[in-house]
Protein backbone atom coordinates (compact mmCIF):
# COMPACT_ATOMS: atom_id res chain seq x y z
CA MET A 1 72.28 203.90 191.82
CA ILE A 2 75.99 203.99 191.93
CA PRO A 3 77.60 204.04 188.61
CA THR A 4 80.16 201.05 187.62
CA LEU A 5 83.91 202.43 186.94
CA ALA A 6 82.92 201.80 183.06
CA GLN A 7 79.55 203.93 183.68
CA ALA A 8 81.76 206.73 185.75
CA ASN A 9 84.11 207.45 182.89
CA PRO A 10 84.31 208.45 179.05
CA ILE A 11 84.54 206.42 176.18
CA ARG A 12 88.10 207.61 175.19
CA GLN A 13 89.34 205.31 172.29
CA THR A 14 88.17 203.42 169.31
CA ALA A 15 90.28 200.73 168.00
CA LEU A 16 90.45 199.10 164.45
CA VAL A 17 92.18 196.01 163.44
CA VAL A 18 94.88 195.69 160.74
CA ARG A 19 97.59 193.78 158.95
CA ASP A 20 100.51 196.15 157.71
CA LEU A 21 100.86 198.45 161.52
CA ASP A 22 103.26 200.58 159.72
CA ALA A 23 100.65 201.31 156.37
CA ALA A 24 97.83 201.72 159.03
CA VAL A 25 99.40 204.49 160.14
CA ARG A 26 100.67 206.01 156.92
CA THR A 27 97.31 205.63 155.37
CA TRP A 28 95.60 207.49 158.70
CA TRP A 29 98.30 210.64 158.17
CA ASP A 30 97.82 210.84 154.40
CA LEU A 31 94.29 210.43 154.42
CA LEU A 32 92.72 212.23 157.85
CA ARG A 33 95.64 214.12 159.06
CA VAL A 34 96.04 211.73 162.24
CA ALA A 35 98.78 212.07 163.94
CA PRO A 36 101.69 211.96 165.78
CA TRP A 37 101.05 208.10 166.44
CA ASN A 38 103.10 206.36 168.99
CA VAL A 39 104.03 202.75 168.01
CA PHE A 40 104.44 200.15 171.17
CA THR A 41 105.23 196.42 170.66
CA LEU A 42 103.83 193.90 173.80
CA SER A 43 105.29 190.81 173.75
CA PRO A 44 105.56 187.43 176.18
CA ASP A 45 108.31 189.29 177.44
CA ILE A 46 107.09 192.30 178.19
CA LEU A 47 103.06 191.22 179.31
CA GLN A 48 101.75 188.88 182.85
CA ASP A 49 98.90 187.17 183.58
CA MET A 50 97.77 186.89 179.65
CA HIS A 51 94.41 184.78 178.94
CA TYR A 52 92.50 184.28 175.52
CA LEU A 53 89.08 182.90 175.72
CA GLY A 54 89.50 181.71 179.76
CA ALA A 55 92.73 180.46 179.84
CA PRO A 56 96.04 181.16 179.87
CA ALA A 57 97.51 182.28 176.78
CA ARG A 58 101.16 183.83 175.21
CA PHE A 59 100.49 186.73 172.57
CA GLY A 60 102.05 189.29 171.30
CA LEU A 61 100.75 192.88 169.01
CA ARG A 62 102.06 196.07 167.58
CA HIS A 63 99.94 199.02 168.18
CA ALA A 64 99.72 202.47 167.69
CA LEU A 65 98.34 205.35 169.47
CA ALA A 66 97.21 209.04 167.85
CA PHE A 67 94.57 212.11 169.01
CA LYS A 68 91.94 213.00 167.01
CA ASP A 69 89.98 216.11 168.50
CA GLY A 70 90.34 214.61 171.52
CA ALA A 71 89.48 210.96 171.25
CA GLN A 72 92.27 208.35 171.07
CA ILE A 73 92.65 205.77 168.17
CA GLU A 74 94.22 203.12 168.19
CA LEU A 75 95.68 200.71 165.50
CA VAL A 76 96.50 196.70 166.05
CA GLN A 77 98.46 194.43 164.03
CA PRO A 78 98.33 190.79 165.73
CA LEU A 79 101.78 188.92 165.67
CA ASP A 80 101.96 185.52 167.16
CA GLY A 81 99.75 183.84 169.80
CA PRO A 82 96.10 183.17 169.56
CA SER A 83 94.22 186.91 170.24
CA ILE A 84 90.88 188.39 169.59
CA PHE A 85 92.50 190.58 167.04
CA ALA A 86 93.50 187.63 164.31
CA ASP A 87 90.33 186.52 165.17
CA HIS A 88 89.01 189.27 163.70
CA LEU A 89 91.24 189.25 161.21
CA GLU A 90 90.46 185.69 160.36
CA ARG A 91 86.41 186.50 159.66
CA HIS A 92 85.85 190.29 159.28
CA GLY A 93 89.17 191.51 158.02
CA GLU A 94 90.20 195.28 158.55
CA GLY A 95 88.10 197.29 160.99
CA LEU A 96 86.62 198.40 163.84
CA HIS A 97 87.26 196.65 166.41
CA HIS A 98 86.85 198.13 170.40
CA ILE A 99 85.81 200.65 172.10
CA GLY A 100 88.14 201.52 175.18
CA ILE A 101 87.17 203.10 178.67
CA TYR A 102 89.93 204.51 180.81
CA VAL A 103 89.29 203.02 184.84
CA PRO A 104 91.35 204.26 187.83
CA ASP A 105 90.70 200.46 189.72
CA HIS A 106 91.15 197.93 186.99
CA ALA A 107 90.33 194.80 188.60
CA ARG A 108 87.17 196.68 190.30
CA ALA A 109 85.50 197.60 186.74
CA VAL A 110 86.75 194.39 185.70
CA ALA A 111 84.51 192.67 188.53
CA GLU A 112 81.69 195.07 187.81
CA PHE A 113 81.73 193.67 184.33
CA ARG A 114 81.76 190.19 184.93
CA GLU A 115 79.08 190.84 187.03
CA GLN A 116 76.63 192.04 184.34
CA GLY A 117 77.30 189.18 182.83
CA PHE A 118 80.01 190.16 180.06
CA GLU A 119 82.22 187.55 178.89
CA PRO A 120 86.25 187.74 179.23
CA ILE A 121 87.45 187.22 176.20
CA GLN A 122 91.47 188.56 176.27
CA GLY A 123 93.22 190.59 178.92
CA ALA A 124 96.88 190.63 180.13
CA ARG A 125 98.38 193.63 182.51
CA GLY A 126 102.46 195.11 182.81
CA PHE A 127 102.47 197.08 179.38
CA GLY A 128 103.59 200.22 181.69
CA ASP A 129 107.00 200.81 181.47
CA THR A 130 107.82 200.01 185.25
CA GLY A 131 105.22 196.75 184.85
CA ASP A 132 101.63 198.63 185.51
CA GLY A 133 98.73 199.18 183.31
CA ALA A 134 96.70 196.50 181.65
CA PHE A 135 93.96 195.92 180.09
CA ALA A 136 90.65 193.30 179.18
CA TYR A 137 88.54 193.14 176.66
CA PHE A 138 84.88 191.86 177.32
CA ARG A 139 82.73 190.41 174.41
CA THR A 140 79.02 192.55 175.10
CA LYS A 141 75.98 191.76 174.49
CA ALA A 142 72.83 193.55 171.82
CA PRO A 143 71.90 196.28 171.36
CA LEU A 144 75.76 197.23 171.89
CA GLY A 145 77.07 194.12 169.68
CA THR A 146 80.81 195.57 170.45
CA ILE A 147 83.95 194.50 172.45
CA VAL A 148 84.58 196.60 174.90
CA GLU A 149 88.40 197.57 176.12
CA LEU A 150 88.28 198.15 180.27
CA ILE A 151 92.28 200.09 180.59
CA GLN A 152 93.78 200.97 183.15
CA ALA A 153 96.82 203.29 181.88
CA PRO A 154 100.12 202.63 183.09
CA SER A 155 101.94 205.27 185.66
CA VAL A 156 104.55 205.68 182.73
CA ARG A 157 104.59 204.72 178.70
CA ARG A 158 107.09 202.36 177.64
CA THR A 159 109.11 204.38 174.80
CA PRO A 160 107.60 203.80 171.29
CA ASP A 161 109.01 201.89 168.70
CA TYR A 162 108.94 204.98 166.86
CA THR A 163 106.39 207.81 166.13
CA TYR A 164 105.37 208.76 162.58
CA PRO A 165 105.44 211.00 161.11
CA PRO A 166 108.54 211.56 162.58
CA PRO A 167 108.95 215.20 164.72
CA GLY A 168 109.64 218.30 162.58
CA ASP A 169 107.98 216.06 159.40
CA ALA A 170 104.05 216.64 160.71
């Protein structure tokens, strides 16, 4: 049997939802020396084809990305509009939210996940500097019991809002 794109690609990201992104990146640096953090704001001015729970939506978020021993850690702070991140904060508070798999063909990976019966709960495209890049989140069934994000990396990332700690301070 030919593996799906999600099966053929490694889990590269672990993500947490936070209330205060700036405080969270400082804490991850202070306690675990995870850095550098690149912080980005994704707004409806940037994102395209946004959806939430099966309907068109407009939402904004800030997120920070850093690597530790080859694994990407993402911190996400919801800003406005409906989102699975705001839902998580309301129901569970801060903490572990999803795992992410980078895929080379986002549309195909999304179609394969849907064929497997996974429920799409949020997504968008266009977060790259040239308007490419896509993400889609899926609710999974037991025994996984977590949200899985399928990510197609942009060809060029946007310039971060800032990097923490500043270069030379790490």
